[in-house]
Amino acid sequence: MGKELYDNSDVAKRMFEKANEILEFSITQIMFGEDA
C-alpha cells in the first residue's frame, strides 16, 4: 500500500516521514513492514 510511491517519489517519502512524526509512531513500518 503505497510502497512503490514511497520508494520512487522524494515528495511522497517526505510526506510519509511527516506522517510518522505527527502520529508519533512509524506508520511506514506498519504499512511496509514484514508483517504488512
N, C-alpha and C. Protein backbone atom coordinates (compact mmCIF):
# COMPACT_ATOMS: atom_id res chain seq x y z
N MET A 1 0.84 -1.18 0.00
CA MET A 1 0.00 0.00 0.00
C MET A 1 0.89 1.25 0.00
N GLY A 2 1.20 1.77 -1.15
CA GLY A 2 1.99 2.99 -1.27
C GLY A 2 3.48 2.78 -1.32
N LYS A 3 3.94 1.54 -1.21
CA LYS A 3 5.39 1.26 -1.16
C LYS A 3 6.10 1.74 -2.42
N GLU A 4 5.53 1.48 -3.57
CA GLU A 4 6.17 1.90 -4.82
C GLU A 4 6.27 3.43 -4.88
N LEU A 5 5.22 4.09 -4.48
CA LEU A 5 5.22 5.56 -4.43
C LEU A 5 6.29 6.06 -3.46
N TYR A 6 6.33 5.47 -2.27
CA TYR A 6 7.33 5.82 -1.26
C TYR A 6 8.75 5.64 -1.81
N ASP A 7 8.99 4.53 -2.47
CA ASP A 7 10.32 4.23 -2.99
C ASP A 7 10.74 5.11 -4.16
N ASN A 8 9.77 5.61 -4.93
CA ASN A 8 10.10 6.31 -6.17
C ASN A 8 9.84 7.81 -6.17
N SER A 9 9.33 8.34 -5.09
CA SER A 9 8.99 9.76 -5.05
C SER A 9 9.55 10.40 -3.78
N ASP A 10 10.46 11.36 -3.96
CA ASP A 10 11.01 12.07 -2.81
C ASP A 10 9.92 12.83 -2.06
N VAL A 11 8.98 13.40 -2.78
CA VAL A 11 7.88 14.14 -2.15
C VAL A 11 7.03 13.20 -1.30
N ALA A 12 6.67 12.07 -1.86
CA ALA A 12 5.86 11.09 -1.12
C ALA A 12 6.61 10.60 0.11
N LYS A 13 7.89 10.34 -0.05
CA LYS A 13 8.70 9.87 1.08
C LYS A 13 8.69 10.90 2.21
N ARG A 14 8.83 12.17 1.88
CA ARG A 14 8.79 13.23 2.89
C ARG A 14 7.42 13.27 3.57
N MET A 15 6.37 13.07 2.81
CA MET A 15 5.02 13.09 3.39
C MET A 15 4.81 11.91 4.35
N PHE A 16 5.27 10.73 3.97
CA PHE A 16 5.19 9.58 4.87
C PHE A 16 5.99 9.83 6.14
N GLU A 17 7.19 10.39 6.00
CA GLU A 17 8.03 10.68 7.17
C GLU A 17 7.36 11.73 8.05
N LYS A 18 6.72 12.70 7.47
CA LYS A 18 5.98 13.72 8.23
C LYS A 18 4.82 13.06 8.97
N ALA A 19 4.13 12.14 8.33
CA ALA A 19 3.04 11.41 8.99
C ALA A 19 3.58 10.64 10.20
N ASN A 20 4.73 10.00 10.06
CA ASN A 20 5.35 9.30 11.19
C ASN A 20 5.58 10.27 12.35
N GLU A 21 6.09 11.43 12.03
CA GLU A 21 6.38 12.45 13.05
C GLU A 21 5.10 12.91 13.74
N ILE A 22 4.09 13.22 12.97
CA ILE A 22 2.82 13.71 13.53
C ILE A 22 2.15 12.64 14.40
N LEU A 23 2.15 11.41 13.92
CA LEU A 23 1.49 10.32 14.63
C LEU A 23 2.28 9.83 15.84
N GLU A 24 3.57 10.16 15.88
CA GLU A 24 4.48 9.73 16.94
C GLU A 24 4.66 8.22 16.98
N PHE A 25 4.49 7.59 15.83
CA PHE A 25 4.84 6.20 15.63
C PHE A 25 5.06 5.99 14.14
N SER A 26 5.65 4.87 13.80
CA SER A 26 6.02 4.63 12.40
C SER A 26 4.90 3.96 11.62
N ILE A 27 4.09 4.78 10.99
CA ILE A 27 3.04 4.24 10.13
C ILE A 27 3.67 3.52 8.93
N THR A 28 4.84 3.97 8.51
CA THR A 28 5.51 3.30 7.39
C THR A 28 5.93 1.88 7.78
N GLN A 29 6.34 1.67 9.03
CA GLN A 29 6.70 0.32 9.47
C GLN A 29 5.47 -0.58 9.44
N ILE A 30 4.34 -0.05 9.87
CA ILE A 30 3.10 -0.82 9.85
C ILE A 30 2.71 -1.13 8.40
N MET A 31 2.83 -0.14 7.53
CA MET A 31 2.42 -0.32 6.14
C MET A 31 3.37 -1.20 5.34
N PHE A 32 4.69 -1.02 5.58
CA PHE A 32 5.68 -1.67 4.72
C PHE A 32 6.48 -2.76 5.42
N GLY A 33 6.25 -2.98 6.71
CA GLY A 33 7.00 -3.97 7.46
C GLY A 33 6.75 -5.38 6.95
N GLU A 34 7.54 -6.31 7.46
CA GLU A 34 7.44 -7.70 7.03
C GLU A 34 6.06 -8.29 7.26
N ASP A 35 5.38 -7.83 8.30
CA ASP A 35 4.06 -8.37 8.63
C ASP A 35 2.93 -7.72 7.84
N ALA A 36 3.27 -6.71 7.03
CA ALA A 36 2.24 -5.97 6.30
C ALA A 36 1.69 -6.78 5.15
